[in-house]
Amino acid sequence: MTSRFRFKLWGGMPGIKHFLISNRALGGGIVLAFLVLGGGCQTGDDAKKEKPDKEASTLRLHMEENDIGLGVGKIEVIRANPIKLMVQKTAFLDEGDIAKAMVVEPKYGGHQIRIEYTARGKMALQMATAPRPGRHVAVWSKWTEGRWLAAPLVQRGIEDGIFVFTPDCSREEANRIVRGLNNVAIKLKNQPKPPKQKTGGKEKAVKPTEEQEMFK
């Protein structure tokens, strides 16, 4: 199943709230992710009903190609000032190999999304970027809507498994995307569940102490 097919599937089936089965772009494995994905932006009561720990997001990386051909499609990235690219329709990395996601603030302002990959994702990222300096990596994500978020230029091979990009989305949307990615990572056991404690008959997530945040 190609990424293109999955995009069409989600767009035509709003309100997917069960297990999504997708072929990994690398390794041919099967990823099971508990996704709560709508076909469009949620408003009103629908948005209020969605619990943060049940939200999910996707994140697919597609390598730029120089020529159109079999398995290559045309896209436009950045809505305010569109950039036209030709990219591989099949992603070389997806959310199934994400260990951790977070929103960070660069020194020059704004916001970026920082992705930390698993050992397998780290290897895939290095293998895809090392031989292709000067090409773009197009980033597709689906949360409550689907969008090409960015297409950063590959300067050199990415060896540390860390992928950072400036997304074409608001800070609120970036937070929602990251929340969903971390929920998927927890579901796939790429990162541990946050600890919980019972308070008044209800379970409540325990926030880490300052010392725990300082010394991992």
N, C-alpha and C. Protein backbone atom coordinates (compact mmCIF):
# COMPACT_ATOMS: atom_id res chain seq x y z
N MET A 1 0.85 -1.19 0.00
CA MET A 1 0.00 0.00 0.00
C MET A 1 0.88 1.23 0.00
N THR A 2 0.71 2.10 -0.94
CA THR A 2 1.54 3.29 -1.03
C THR A 2 0.97 4.39 -0.17
N SER A 3 1.81 5.43 0.10
CA SER A 3 1.35 6.56 0.89
C SER A 3 0.20 7.26 0.19
N ARG A 4 0.27 7.33 -1.14
CA ARG A 4 -0.76 8.02 -1.90
C ARG A 4 -2.12 7.37 -1.66
N PHE A 5 -2.14 6.05 -1.66
CA PHE A 5 -3.39 5.33 -1.45
C PHE A 5 -3.95 5.61 -0.06
N ARG A 6 -3.05 5.65 0.94
CA ARG A 6 -3.51 5.88 2.29
C ARG A 6 -4.09 7.28 2.45
N PHE A 7 -3.49 8.28 1.76
CA PHE A 7 -4.02 9.63 1.87
C PHE A 7 -5.45 9.66 1.35
N LYS A 8 -5.69 9.03 0.20
CA LYS A 8 -7.02 9.02 -0.37
C LYS A 8 -8.00 8.27 0.53
N LEU A 9 -7.52 7.20 1.14
CA LEU A 9 -8.37 6.41 2.02
C LEU A 9 -8.87 7.24 3.18
N TRP A 10 -7.93 7.97 3.83
CA TRP A 10 -8.34 8.78 4.96
C TRP A 10 -9.26 9.92 4.55
N GLY A 11 -8.94 10.55 3.42
CA GLY A 11 -9.74 11.67 2.97
C GLY A 11 -11.17 11.25 2.67
N GLY A 12 -11.37 10.01 2.24
CA GLY A 12 -12.70 9.57 1.87
C GLY A 12 -13.42 8.87 2.99
N MET A 13 -12.76 8.66 4.13
CA MET A 13 -13.37 7.97 5.26
C MET A 13 -13.19 8.77 6.53
N PRO A 14 -13.94 9.88 6.70
CA PRO A 14 -13.77 10.71 7.89
C PRO A 14 -14.16 9.95 9.14
N GLY A 15 -13.50 10.34 10.25
CA GLY A 15 -13.85 9.77 11.53
C GLY A 15 -13.30 8.39 11.78
N ILE A 16 -12.11 8.07 11.24
CA ILE A 16 -11.50 6.79 11.52
C ILE A 16 -11.12 6.76 12.99
N LYS A 17 -11.68 5.81 13.76
CA LYS A 17 -11.42 5.78 15.20
C LYS A 17 -11.05 4.38 15.67
N HIS A 18 -10.46 3.58 14.82
CA HIS A 18 -10.10 2.23 15.20
C HIS A 18 -8.67 1.94 14.77
N PHE A 19 -8.29 0.67 14.77
CA PHE A 19 -6.92 0.33 14.41
C PHE A 19 -6.70 0.54 12.92
N LEU A 20 -5.61 1.20 12.60
CA LEU A 20 -5.19 1.41 11.22
C LEU A 20 -4.03 0.46 10.95
N ILE A 21 -4.13 -0.32 9.90
CA ILE A 21 -3.06 -1.23 9.53
C ILE A 21 -2.39 -0.68 8.29
N SER A 22 -1.09 -0.43 8.36
CA SER A 22 -0.38 0.15 7.21
C SER A 22 0.94 -0.56 7.01
N ASN A 23 1.34 -0.72 5.74
CA ASN A 23 2.63 -1.30 5.45
C ASN A 23 3.70 -0.27 5.69
N ARG A 24 4.74 -0.64 6.44
CA ARG A 24 5.85 0.27 6.63
C ARG A 24 6.59 0.44 5.33
N ALA A 25 7.01 1.68 5.06
CA ALA A 25 7.73 1.95 3.81
C ALA A 25 9.08 1.26 3.80
N LEU A 26 9.62 0.97 5.00
CA LEU A 26 10.94 0.35 5.05
C LEU A 26 10.84 -0.93 5.85
N GLY A 27 11.28 -2.02 5.28
CA GLY A 27 11.31 -3.26 6.02
C GLY A 27 10.09 -4.12 5.81
N GLY A 28 9.02 -3.59 5.24
CA GLY A 28 7.86 -4.38 4.91
C GLY A 28 7.08 -4.86 6.12
N GLY A 29 7.35 -4.30 7.30
CA GLY A 29 6.63 -4.74 8.48
C GLY A 29 5.25 -4.14 8.53
N ILE A 30 4.46 -4.59 9.48
CA ILE A 30 3.11 -4.08 9.65
C ILE A 30 3.06 -3.25 10.92
N VAL A 31 2.48 -2.07 10.81
CA VAL A 31 2.36 -1.18 11.94
C VAL A 31 0.91 -1.14 12.37
N LEU A 32 0.66 -1.36 13.65
CA LEU A 32 -0.68 -1.21 14.18
C LEU A 32 -0.69 0.02 15.06
N ALA A 33 -1.49 0.99 14.71
CA ALA A 33 -1.53 2.22 15.50
C ALA A 33 -2.97 2.57 15.80
N PHE A 34 -3.28 2.87 17.06
CA PHE A 34 -4.62 3.26 17.43
C PHE A 34 -4.78 4.73 17.13
N LEU A 35 -5.49 5.03 16.03
CA LEU A 35 -5.57 6.38 15.55
C LEU A 35 -6.98 6.93 15.69
N VAL A 36 -7.06 8.18 16.12
CA VAL A 36 -8.32 8.90 16.13
C VAL A 36 -8.14 10.04 15.15
N LEU A 37 -8.53 9.80 13.91
CA LEU A 37 -8.29 10.76 12.84
C LEU A 37 -9.60 11.13 12.20
N GLY A 38 -9.83 12.42 12.04
CA GLY A 38 -11.04 12.88 11.36
C GLY A 38 -10.74 13.22 9.93
N GLY A 39 -11.81 13.39 9.13
CA GLY A 39 -11.62 13.73 7.73
C GLY A 39 -11.40 15.21 7.51
N GLY A 40 -11.56 16.02 8.56
CA GLY A 40 -11.38 17.45 8.42
C GLY A 40 -11.21 18.05 9.80
N CYS A 41 -11.20 19.38 9.88
CA CYS A 41 -11.03 20.04 11.17
C CYS A 41 -12.23 19.76 12.05
N GLN A 42 -12.00 19.51 13.33
CA GLN A 42 -13.08 19.27 14.26
C GLN A 42 -13.43 20.57 14.95
N THR A 43 -14.70 20.81 15.10
CA THR A 43 -15.15 22.04 15.73
C THR A 43 -16.24 21.70 16.72
N GLY A 44 -16.53 22.65 17.62
CA GLY A 44 -17.65 22.49 18.53
C GLY A 44 -17.51 21.29 19.43
N ASP A 45 -18.62 20.53 19.56
CA ASP A 45 -18.68 19.40 20.49
C ASP A 45 -17.70 18.30 20.12
N ASP A 46 -17.47 18.07 18.80
CA ASP A 46 -16.56 17.00 18.38
C ASP A 46 -15.16 17.22 18.90
N ALA A 47 -14.70 18.48 18.83
CA ALA A 47 -13.34 18.79 19.28
C ALA A 47 -13.22 18.61 20.79
N LYS A 48 -14.31 18.94 21.54
CA LYS A 48 -14.27 18.84 22.99
C LYS A 48 -14.26 17.39 23.44
N LYS A 49 -14.89 16.50 22.68
CA LYS A 49 -15.00 15.10 23.07
C LYS A 49 -13.69 14.33 22.90
N GLU A 50 -12.83 14.81 22.02
CA GLU A 50 -11.59 14.09 21.76
C GLU A 50 -10.62 14.27 22.92
N LYS A 51 -10.24 13.15 23.55
CA LYS A 51 -9.32 13.20 24.68
C LYS A 51 -7.89 13.28 24.19
N PRO A 52 -7.06 14.12 24.82
CA PRO A 52 -5.67 14.29 24.38
C PRO A 52 -4.89 12.98 24.29
N ASP A 53 -5.15 12.03 25.22
CA ASP A 53 -4.38 10.79 25.20
C ASP A 53 -4.88 9.80 24.15
N LYS A 54 -5.98 10.14 23.46
CA LYS A 54 -6.49 9.29 22.38
C LYS A 54 -6.22 9.88 21.00
N GLU A 55 -5.68 11.09 20.96
CA GLU A 55 -5.37 11.72 19.69
C GLU A 55 -4.21 11.00 19.01
N ALA A 56 -4.17 11.05 17.69
CA ALA A 56 -3.06 10.42 16.97
C ALA A 56 -2.75 11.24 15.73
N SER A 57 -1.52 11.14 15.28
CA SER A 57 -1.07 11.85 14.09
C SER A 57 -0.19 10.94 13.26
N THR A 58 -0.04 11.26 11.99
CA THR A 58 0.91 10.56 11.14
C THR A 58 2.00 11.54 10.73
N LEU A 59 3.14 11.02 10.34
CA LEU A 59 4.23 11.85 9.83
C LEU A 59 5.02 11.00 8.84
N ARG A 60 4.97 11.38 7.56
CA ARG A 60 5.61 10.61 6.49
C ARG A 60 6.68 11.47 5.80
N LEU A 61 7.85 10.89 5.59
CA LEU A 61 8.95 11.57 4.91
C LEU A 61 9.10 11.01 3.50
N HIS A 62 9.06 11.89 2.51
CA HIS A 62 9.15 11.51 1.10
C HIS A 62 10.34 12.21 0.46
N MET A 63 11.20 11.44 -0.20
CA MET A 63 12.40 12.01 -0.81
C MET A 63 12.09 12.64 -2.17
N GLU A 64 12.72 13.78 -2.41
CA GLU A 64 12.57 14.47 -3.69
C GLU A 64 13.25 13.69 -4.81
N GLU A 65 12.64 13.73 -5.99
CA GLU A 65 13.21 13.13 -7.19
C GLU A 65 13.40 14.22 -8.25
N ASN A 66 14.39 14.01 -9.11
CA ASN A 66 14.68 15.02 -10.14
C ASN A 66 13.79 14.91 -11.37
N ASP A 67 13.31 13.70 -11.63
CA ASP A 67 12.50 13.47 -12.83
C ASP A 67 11.22 12.75 -12.48
N ILE A 68 10.15 13.07 -13.22
CA ILE A 68 8.88 12.38 -13.03
C ILE A 68 8.99 10.99 -13.64
N GLY A 69 8.35 10.05 -13.01
CA GLY A 69 8.41 8.67 -13.48
C GLY A 69 7.52 7.79 -12.64
N LEU A 70 7.65 6.50 -12.78
CA LEU A 70 6.85 5.56 -12.02
C LEU A 70 7.13 5.71 -10.53
N GLY A 71 6.08 5.85 -9.76
CA GLY A 71 6.24 5.98 -8.31
C GLY A 71 6.61 7.37 -7.85
N VAL A 72 6.54 8.36 -8.75
CA VAL A 72 6.88 9.75 -8.42
C VAL A 72 5.66 10.63 -8.65
N GLY A 73 5.38 11.53 -7.73
CA GLY A 73 4.24 12.44 -7.85
C GLY A 73 4.64 13.89 -7.64
N LYS A 74 3.78 14.79 -8.09
CA LYS A 74 4.01 16.23 -7.95
C LYS A 74 3.24 16.75 -6.74
N ILE A 75 3.89 17.61 -5.96
CA ILE A 75 3.25 18.20 -4.78
C ILE A 75 3.55 19.69 -4.71
N GLU A 76 2.82 20.38 -3.83
CA GLU A 76 3.10 21.78 -3.50
C GLU A 76 3.20 21.89 -1.99
N VAL A 77 4.27 22.53 -1.53
CA VAL A 77 4.52 22.68 -0.10
C VAL A 77 4.57 24.17 0.24
N ILE A 78 4.14 24.52 1.42
CA ILE A 78 4.10 25.88 1.97
C ILE A 78 2.99 26.68 1.27
N ARG A 79 1.89 26.84 1.98
CA ARG A 79 0.69 27.46 1.39
C ARG A 79 0.89 28.92 1.02
N ALA A 80 1.59 29.68 1.85
CA ALA A 80 1.76 31.11 1.60
C ALA A 80 2.62 31.39 0.38
N ASN A 81 3.63 30.55 0.16
CA ASN A 81 4.54 30.72 -0.97
C ASN A 81 4.87 29.33 -1.52
N PRO A 82 3.95 28.75 -2.29
CA PRO A 82 4.07 27.33 -2.69
C PRO A 82 5.37 27.00 -3.43
N ILE A 83 5.94 25.85 -3.04
CA ILE A 83 7.10 25.29 -3.72
C ILE A 83 6.66 24.00 -4.38
N LYS A 84 6.90 23.88 -5.67
CA LYS A 84 6.52 22.67 -6.40
C LYS A 84 7.68 21.69 -6.43
N LEU A 85 7.38 20.45 -6.06
CA LEU A 85 8.40 19.41 -6.03
C LEU A 85 7.88 18.12 -6.64
N MET A 86 8.80 17.26 -7.06
CA MET A 86 8.48 15.90 -7.44
C MET A 86 9.09 15.00 -6.38
N VAL A 87 8.26 14.14 -5.78
CA VAL A 87 8.73 13.28 -4.69
C VAL A 87 8.29 11.84 -4.89
N GLN A 88 8.97 10.94 -4.23
CA GLN A 88 8.58 9.54 -4.24
C GLN A 88 7.23 9.41 -3.53
N LYS A 89 6.32 8.66 -4.15
CA LYS A 89 5.00 8.50 -3.55
C LYS A 89 5.04 7.65 -2.29
N THR A 90 6.01 6.79 -2.20
CA THR A 90 6.15 5.94 -1.01
C THR A 90 7.10 6.60 -0.02
N ALA A 91 6.65 6.75 1.20
CA ALA A 91 7.49 7.35 2.25
C ALA A 91 8.61 6.41 2.64
N PHE A 92 9.79 6.97 2.90
CA PHE A 92 10.89 6.13 3.37
C PHE A 92 10.91 6.04 4.90
N LEU A 93 10.12 6.87 5.58
CA LEU A 93 9.96 6.80 7.03
C LEU A 93 8.56 7.25 7.39
N ASP A 94 7.98 6.61 8.41
CA ASP A 94 6.67 7.04 8.88
C ASP A 94 6.64 7.09 10.41
N GLU A 95 5.45 7.37 10.96
CA GLU A 95 5.30 7.53 12.40
C GLU A 95 5.58 6.25 13.19
N GLY A 96 5.60 5.11 12.52
CA GLY A 96 5.85 3.85 13.20
C GLY A 96 7.24 3.74 13.80
N ASP A 97 8.18 4.57 13.34
CA ASP A 97 9.55 4.53 13.86
C ASP A 97 9.91 5.80 14.63
N ILE A 98 8.92 6.52 15.09
CA ILE A 98 9.18 7.71 15.90
C ILE A 98 9.24 7.33 17.37
N ALA A 99 10.31 7.72 18.03
CA ALA A 99 10.47 7.46 19.46
C ALA A 99 9.93 8.62 20.30
N LYS A 100 10.10 9.84 19.80
CA LYS A 100 9.68 11.02 20.55
C LYS A 100 9.53 12.20 19.62
N ALA A 101 8.51 13.02 19.89
CA ALA A 101 8.30 14.25 19.11
C ALA A 101 8.08 15.41 20.08
N MET A 102 8.52 16.59 19.69
CA MET A 102 8.32 17.75 20.54
C MET A 102 8.36 19.03 19.71
N VAL A 103 7.71 20.07 20.23
CA VAL A 103 7.75 21.39 19.61
C VAL A 103 8.87 22.17 20.29
N VAL A 104 9.74 22.75 19.48
CA VAL A 104 10.86 23.52 20.03
C VAL A 104 10.81 24.94 19.47
N GLU A 105 11.48 25.85 20.17
CA GLU A 105 11.52 27.24 19.76
C GLU A 105 12.94 27.62 19.36
N PRO A 106 13.17 27.88 18.08
CA PRO A 106 14.51 28.30 17.65
C PRO A 106 14.83 29.70 18.16
N LYS A 107 16.10 30.06 18.15
CA LYS A 107 16.54 31.35 18.66
C LYS A 107 15.94 32.52 17.90
N TYR A 108 15.68 32.30 16.60
CA TYR A 108 15.16 33.40 15.78
C TYR A 108 13.64 33.54 15.89
N GLY A 109 12.99 32.76 16.74
CA GLY A 109 11.55 32.86 16.94
C GLY A 109 10.77 31.82 16.17
N GLY A 110 9.47 31.81 16.38
CA GLY A 110 8.62 30.84 15.71
C GLY A 110 8.65 29.50 16.43
N HIS A 111 8.35 28.44 15.70
CA HIS A 111 8.35 27.11 16.30
C HIS A 111 8.77 26.07 15.27
N GLN A 112 9.36 25.00 15.75
CA GLN A 112 9.77 23.89 14.91
C GLN A 112 9.30 22.59 15.55
N ILE A 113 9.27 21.53 14.75
CA ILE A 113 8.95 20.20 15.26
C ILE A 113 10.23 19.37 15.21
N ARG A 114 10.55 18.76 16.34
CA ARG A 114 11.76 17.94 16.46
C ARG A 114 11.35 16.48 16.61
N ILE A 115 11.84 15.64 15.72
CA ILE A 115 11.51 14.22 15.74
C ILE A 115 12.75 13.41 16.08
N GLU A 116 12.59 12.53 17.05
CA GLU A 116 13.67 11.59 17.41
C GLU A 116 13.22 10.19 17.00
N TYR A 117 14.01 9.52 16.17
CA TYR A 117 13.63 8.21 15.65
C TYR A 117 14.22 7.06 16.46
N THR A 118 13.60 5.90 16.31
CA THR A 118 14.10 4.67 16.91
C THR A 118 15.40 4.27 16.20
N ALA A 119 16.04 3.21 16.67
CA ALA A 119 17.29 2.76 16.05
C ALA A 119 17.06 2.41 14.58
N ARG A 120 15.96 1.76 14.28
CA ARG A 120 15.67 1.42 12.89
C ARG A 120 15.39 2.68 12.07
N GLY A 121 14.63 3.62 12.67
CA GLY A 121 14.35 4.87 11.98
C GLY A 121 15.61 5.68 11.73
N LYS A 122 16.51 5.66 12.71
CA LYS A 122 17.78 6.37 12.58
C LYS A 122 18.57 5.84 11.39
N MET A 123 18.61 4.53 11.25
CA MET A 123 19.33 3.92 10.13
C MET A 123 18.68 4.27 8.79
N ALA A 124 17.35 4.23 8.76
CA ALA A 124 16.62 4.54 7.53
C ALA A 124 16.84 6.00 7.11
N LEU A 125 16.84 6.89 8.09
CA LEU A 125 17.05 8.31 7.82
C LEU A 125 18.45 8.55 7.25
N GLN A 126 19.43 7.91 7.82
CA GLN A 126 20.81 8.05 7.35
C GLN A 126 20.96 7.49 5.93
N MET A 127 20.39 6.32 5.69
CA MET A 127 20.51 5.68 4.38
C MET A 127 19.81 6.49 3.29
N ALA A 128 18.72 7.17 3.64
CA ALA A 128 17.98 7.95 2.65
C ALA A 128 18.63 9.29 2.35
N THR A 129 19.23 9.91 3.37
CA THR A 129 19.76 11.26 3.19
C THR A 129 21.24 11.32 2.79
N ALA A 130 22.03 10.36 3.24
CA ALA A 130 23.48 10.40 2.99
C ALA A 130 23.83 10.49 1.51
N PRO A 131 23.21 9.72 0.62
CA PRO A 131 23.59 9.80 -0.80
C PRO A 131 22.85 10.88 -1.58
N ARG A 132 22.05 11.72 -0.89
CA ARG A 132 21.22 12.68 -1.62
C ARG A 132 21.33 14.10 -1.09
N PRO A 133 22.53 14.62 -0.89
CA PRO A 133 22.64 16.03 -0.48
C PRO A 133 22.13 16.93 -1.61
N GLY A 134 21.47 18.01 -1.23
CA GLY A 134 20.94 18.93 -2.23
C GLY A 134 19.51 18.64 -2.63
N ARG A 135 18.92 17.59 -2.05
CA ARG A 135 17.51 17.29 -2.33
C ARG A 135 16.65 17.62 -1.12
N HIS A 136 15.35 17.76 -1.36
CA HIS A 136 14.42 18.07 -0.28
C HIS A 136 13.77 16.80 0.26
N VAL A 137 13.43 16.85 1.54
CA VAL A 137 12.63 15.81 2.16
C VAL A 137 11.25 16.42 2.45
N ALA A 138 10.23 15.96 1.74
CA ALA A 138 8.88 16.48 1.92
C ALA A 138 8.22 15.78 3.10
N VAL A 139 7.57 16.57 3.94
CA VAL A 139 6.96 16.05 5.17
C VAL A 139 5.44 16.15 5.08
N TRP A 140 4.78 15.00 5.13
CA TRP A 140 3.31 14.95 5.14
C TRP A 140 2.84 14.54 6.52
N SER A 141 1.79 15.20 7.01
CA SER A 141 1.20 14.81 8.29
C SER A 141 -0.31 14.86 8.21
N LYS A 142 -0.95 13.98 8.97
CA LYS A 142 -2.39 14.00 9.13
C LYS A 142 -2.72 13.95 10.60
N TRP A 143 -3.51 14.91 11.05
CA TRP A 143 -3.98 14.92 12.43
C TRP A 143 -5.50 15.02 12.34
N THR A 144 -6.10 16.21 12.47
CA THR A 144 -7.51 16.36 12.16
C THR A 144 -7.69 16.75 10.70
N GLU A 145 -6.61 17.07 10.03
CA GLU A 145 -6.58 17.31 8.59
C GLU A 145 -5.23 16.85 8.07
N GLY A 146 -5.11 16.75 6.76
CA GLY A 146 -3.85 16.33 6.17
C GLY A 146 -3.20 17.46 5.40
N ARG A 147 -1.85 17.55 5.48
CA ARG A 147 -1.17 18.68 4.82
C ARG A 147 0.31 18.35 4.65
N TRP A 148 0.88 18.85 3.55
CA TRP A 148 2.34 18.85 3.41
C TRP A 148 2.85 19.98 4.30
N LEU A 149 3.66 19.64 5.27
CA LEU A 149 4.08 20.61 6.27
C LEU A 149 5.38 21.33 5.93
N ALA A 150 6.29 20.67 5.25
CA ALA A 150 7.60 21.25 5.02
C ALA A 150 8.36 20.44 3.98
N ALA A 151 9.47 21.00 3.52
CA ALA A 151 10.36 20.29 2.60
C ALA A 151 11.79 20.79 2.81
N PRO A 152 12.37 20.50 3.97
CA PRO A 152 13.73 20.97 4.25
C PRO A 152 14.74 20.37 3.28
N LEU A 153 15.78 21.15 3.01
CA LEU A 153 16.84 20.72 2.09
C LEU A 153 17.86 19.87 2.84
N VAL A 154 18.25 18.77 2.24
CA VAL A 154 19.25 17.90 2.84
C VAL A 154 20.64 18.49 2.58
N GLN A 155 21.31 18.88 3.63
CA GLN A 155 22.66 19.43 3.50
C GLN A 155 23.71 18.32 3.52
N ARG A 156 23.46 17.33 4.35
CA ARG A 156 24.37 16.17 4.51
C ARG A 156 23.55 15.02 5.10
N GLY A 157 24.15 13.86 5.15
CA GLY A 157 23.45 12.73 5.73
C GLY A 157 23.13 12.96 7.19
N ILE A 158 21.92 12.62 7.60
CA ILE A 158 21.51 12.80 8.99
C ILE A 158 21.84 11.52 9.73
N GLU A 159 22.83 11.57 10.60
CA GLU A 159 23.36 10.37 11.25
C GLU A 159 22.87 10.16 12.68
N ASP A 160 22.32 11.20 13.31
CA ASP A 160 21.94 11.07 14.72
C ASP A 160 20.49 10.68 14.95
N GLY A 161 19.74 10.51 13.86
CA GLY A 161 18.34 10.10 14.02
C GLY A 161 17.42 11.22 14.47
N ILE A 162 17.89 12.47 14.39
CA ILE A 162 17.09 13.63 14.78
C ILE A 162 16.71 14.42 13.54
N PHE A 163 15.42 14.65 13.36
CA PHE A 163 14.93 15.37 12.19
C PHE A 163 14.13 16.57 12.68
N VAL A 164 14.59 17.78 12.33
CA VAL A 164 13.96 19.02 12.79
C VAL A 164 13.52 19.83 11.57
N PHE A 165 12.30 20.34 11.61
CA PHE A 165 11.81 21.14 10.49
C PHE A 165 10.84 22.22 10.98
N THR A 166 10.71 23.27 10.17
CA THR A 166 9.77 24.35 10.47
C THR A 166 8.46 24.05 9.73
N PRO A 167 7.38 23.75 10.45
CA PRO A 167 6.15 23.32 9.80
C PRO A 167 5.27 24.47 9.32
N ASP A 168 4.54 24.21 8.27
CA ASP A 168 3.55 25.16 7.76
C ASP A 168 2.25 24.94 8.53
N CYS A 169 2.27 25.33 9.80
CA CYS A 169 1.09 25.19 10.64
C CYS A 169 1.22 26.11 11.84
N SER A 170 0.12 26.33 12.52
CA SER A 170 0.14 27.18 13.70
C SER A 170 0.79 26.46 14.88
N ARG A 171 1.08 27.20 15.92
CA ARG A 171 1.66 26.58 17.12
C ARG A 171 0.66 25.58 17.73
N GLU A 172 -0.60 25.92 17.72
CA GLU A 172 -1.62 25.02 18.24
C GLU A 172 -1.66 23.72 17.43
N GLU A 173 -1.59 23.84 16.11
CA GLU A 173 -1.59 22.64 15.27
C GLU A 173 -0.34 21.81 15.50
N ALA A 174 0.80 22.49 15.66
CA ALA A 174 2.05 21.77 15.92
C ALA A 174 1.97 20.98 17.22
N ASN A 175 1.39 21.59 18.25
CA ASN A 175 1.22 20.89 19.53
C ASN A 175 0.32 19.67 19.36
N ARG A 176 -0.74 19.82 18.57
CA ARG A 176 -1.67 18.70 18.34
C ARG A 176 -0.98 17.57 17.57
N ILE A 177 -0.19 17.92 16.56
CA ILE A 177 0.54 16.92 15.78
C ILE A 177 1.50 16.14 16.67
N VAL A 178 2.25 16.87 17.47
CA VAL A 178 3.25 16.25 18.35
C VAL A 178 2.58 15.36 19.40
N ARG A 179 1.47 15.84 19.95
CA ARG A 179 0.74 15.04 20.92
C ARG A 179 0.31 13.70 20.32
N GLY A 180 -0.23 13.78 19.10
CA GLY A 180 -0.67 12.57 18.42
C GLY A 180 0.47 11.62 18.10
N LEU A 181 1.61 12.15 17.70
CA LEU A 181 2.78 11.32 17.39
C LEU A 181 3.29 10.61 18.63
N ASN A 182 3.32 11.31 19.76
CA ASN A 182 3.77 10.68 21.00
C ASN A 182 2.79 9.61 21.48
N ASN A 183 1.50 9.84 21.26
CA ASN A 183 0.51 8.81 21.61
C ASN A 183 0.73 7.55 20.80
N VAL A 184 1.03 7.72 19.50
CA VAL A 184 1.30 6.56 18.65
C VAL A 184 2.57 5.86 19.11
N ALA A 185 3.60 6.64 19.46
CA ALA A 185 4.87 6.07 19.93
C ALA A 185 4.66 5.24 21.20
N ILE A 186 3.79 5.72 22.09
CA ILE A 186 3.48 4.99 23.31
C ILE A 186 2.72 3.71 22.98
N LYS A 187 1.76 3.82 22.05
CA LYS A 187 0.97 2.65 21.66
C LYS A 187 1.85 1.56 21.04
N LEU A 188 2.84 1.98 20.28
CA LEU A 188 3.75 1.03 19.64
C LEU A 188 4.93 0.65 20.54
N LYS A 189 4.93 1.19 21.76
CA LYS A 189 5.97 0.90 22.75
C LYS A 189 7.34 1.41 22.31
N ASN A 190 7.34 2.48 21.51
CA ASN A 190 8.59 3.16 21.17
C ASN A 190 9.03 4.11 22.28
N GLN A 191 8.10 4.43 23.18
CA GLN A 191 8.43 5.20 24.37
C GLN A 191 7.52 4.72 25.49
N PRO A 192 7.97 4.83 26.75
CA PRO A 192 7.17 4.32 27.87
C PRO A 192 5.94 5.17 28.13
N LYS A 193 4.93 4.54 28.74
CA LYS A 193 3.74 5.28 29.15
C LYS A 193 4.09 6.21 30.30
N PRO A 194 3.46 7.39 30.35
CA PRO A 194 3.70 8.26 31.50
C PRO A 194 3.15 7.62 32.77
N PRO A 195 3.84 7.75 33.89
CA PRO A 195 3.35 7.14 35.13
C PRO A 195 2.03 7.75 35.57
N LYS A 196 1.21 6.95 36.24
CA LYS A 196 -0.09 7.43 36.70
C LYS A 196 -0.25 7.12 38.18
N GLN A 197 -1.07 7.92 38.85
CA GLN A 197 -1.41 7.66 40.23
C GLN A 197 -2.91 7.85 40.39
N LYS A 198 -3.49 7.11 41.33
CA LYS A 198 -4.92 7.20 41.56
C LYS A 198 -5.22 8.33 42.54
N THR A 199 -6.15 9.20 42.14
CA THR A 199 -6.54 10.31 43.00
C THR A 199 -8.05 10.41 42.99
N GLY A 200 -8.67 10.16 44.14
CA GLY A 200 -10.12 10.25 44.22
C GLY A 200 -10.83 9.30 43.29
N GLY A 201 -10.26 8.11 43.11
CA GLY A 201 -10.91 7.12 42.26
C GLY A 201 -10.58 7.27 40.80
N LYS A 202 -9.86 8.31 40.42
CA LYS A 202 -9.49 8.54 39.03
C LYS A 202 -7.99 8.52 38.88
N GLU A 203 -7.53 8.02 37.76
CA GLU A 203 -6.09 7.98 37.49
C GLU A 203 -5.63 9.31 36.93
N LYS A 204 -4.52 9.76 37.41
CA LYS A 204 -3.98 11.05 36.99
C LYS A 204 -2.50 10.90 36.67
N ALA A 205 -2.09 11.44 35.52
CA ALA A 205 -0.69 11.36 35.13
C ALA A 205 0.18 12.13 36.12
N VAL A 206 1.32 11.56 36.48
CA VAL A 206 2.23 12.20 37.42
C VAL A 206 3.25 13.01 36.63
N LYS A 207 3.33 14.29 36.94
CA LYS A 207 4.31 15.13 36.27
C LYS A 207 5.69 14.87 36.86
N PRO A 208 6.73 14.82 36.01
CA PRO A 208 8.08 14.59 36.52
C PRO A 208 8.53 15.77 37.37
N THR A 209 9.36 15.48 38.38
CA THR A 209 9.90 16.54 39.20
C THR A 209 10.96 17.31 38.41
N GLU A 210 11.33 18.46 38.92
CA GLU A 210 12.34 19.26 38.24
C GLU A 210 13.66 18.49 38.14
N GLU A 211 13.99 17.75 39.21
CA GLU A 211 15.22 16.97 39.20
C GLU A 211 15.18 15.88 38.14
N GLN A 212 14.02 15.23 37.98
CA GLN A 212 13.88 14.20 36.95
C GLN A 212 14.01 14.77 35.56
N GLU A 213 13.52 15.99 35.35
CA GLU A 213 13.65 16.65 34.06
C GLU A 213 15.09 17.05 33.77
N MET A 214 15.82 17.41 34.83
CA MET A 214 17.21 17.87 34.66
C MET A 214 18.15 16.71 34.42
N PHE A 215 17.91 15.59 35.13
CA PHE A 215 18.83 14.46 35.04
C PHE A 215 18.07 13.23 34.58
N LYS A 216 18.16 12.93 33.31
CA LYS A 216 17.45 11.79 32.72
C LYS A 216 18.14 10.49 33.09
